[in-house]
């Protein structure tokens, strides 16, 4: 959906930008675009937990190696 904002004869550019931004926010186009960027495939709770545990273990291992001076 295209938002059209026309300039009046004596209207300042800042006012046009403000009106355009307000129309875009009210239409919900921006919210839809941001939601599509954050889309994740639905996965089960157990699978999500397993991945979190693996991430924590890797991070702890990396910190331990850094403390020991290893790569």
Protein backbone atom coordinates (compact mmCIF):
# COMPACT_ATOMS: atom_id res chain seq x y z
CA UNK A 1 0.00 0.00 0.00
CA UNK A 2 1.53 3.27 -1.15
CA UNK A 3 1.21 6.33 1.06
CA UNK A 4 0.68 9.52 -0.95
CA UNK A 5 1.38 12.88 0.66
CA UNK A 6 0.85 16.02 -1.37
CA UNK A 7 2.47 19.34 -0.60
CA UNK A 8 0.33 22.40 -0.02
CA UNK A 9 1.50 25.71 -1.47
CA UNK A 10 2.90 27.23 1.72
CA UNK A 11 3.70 24.09 3.67
CA UNK A 12 7.19 23.44 5.05
CA UNK A 13 9.08 20.29 4.10
CA UNK A 14 9.32 19.22 7.76
CA UNK A 15 5.52 19.20 8.02
CA UNK A 16 5.24 17.00 4.94
CA UNK A 17 7.72 14.52 6.36
CA UNK A 18 5.91 14.52 9.71
CA UNK A 19 2.53 13.88 8.04
CA UNK A 20 4.00 11.11 5.89
CA UNK A 21 5.61 9.40 8.90
CA UNK A 22 2.34 9.58 10.82
CA UNK A 23 0.41 8.00 7.90
CA UNK A 24 2.94 5.20 7.57
CA UNK A 25 2.82 4.44 11.31
CA UNK A 26 -0.98 4.46 11.40
CA UNK A 27 -1.28 2.19 8.36
CA UNK A 28 0.87 -0.52 9.97
CA UNK A 29 3.07 -1.07 6.91
CA UNK A 30 6.26 -0.54 8.88
CA UNK A 31 5.18 -2.94 11.64
CA UNK A 32 4.47 -5.66 9.07
CA UNK A 33 7.87 -5.19 7.43
CA UNK A 34 9.69 -5.42 10.77
CA UNK A 35 7.69 -8.51 11.77
CA UNK A 36 8.65 -10.26 8.53
CA UNK A 37 12.33 -9.60 9.27
CA UNK A 38 12.08 -11.33 12.66
CA UNK A 39 10.22 -14.40 11.39
CA UNK A 40 11.42 -17.70 12.83
CA UNK A 41 10.34 -21.14 11.81
CA UNK A 42 8.25 -22.72 14.54
CA UNK A 43 10.31 -25.26 16.51
CA UNK A 44 9.44 -27.29 19.54
CA UNK A 45 10.20 -26.17 23.09
CA UNK A 46 12.55 -29.09 23.67
CA UNK A 47 14.53 -28.33 20.53
CA UNK A 48 14.84 -24.68 21.58
CA UNK A 49 16.06 -25.76 25.04
CA UNK A 50 18.63 -28.15 23.57
CA UNK A 51 20.00 -25.39 21.34
CA UNK A 52 20.21 -23.00 24.31
CA UNK A 53 22.11 -25.60 26.37
CA UNK A 54 24.57 -26.15 23.51
CA UNK A 55 25.12 -22.38 23.17
CA UNK A 56 25.78 -22.03 26.92
CA UNK A 57 28.25 -24.93 26.88
CA UNK A 58 30.14 -23.48 23.91
CA UNK A 59 30.29 -20.05 25.53
CA UNK A 60 31.55 -21.50 28.82
CA UNK A 61 34.16 -23.56 26.97
CA UNK A 62 35.32 -20.49 25.04
CA UNK A 63 35.61 -18.43 28.24
CA UNK A 64 37.54 -21.23 29.97
CA UNK A 65 40.02 -21.45 27.08
CA UNK A 66 40.44 -17.66 27.09
CA UNK A 67 41.22 -17.71 30.81
CA UNK A 68 43.83 -20.41 30.29
CA UNK A 69 45.41 -18.47 27.42
CA UNK A 70 44.49 -21.03 24.77
CA UNK A 71 42.72 -20.22 21.58
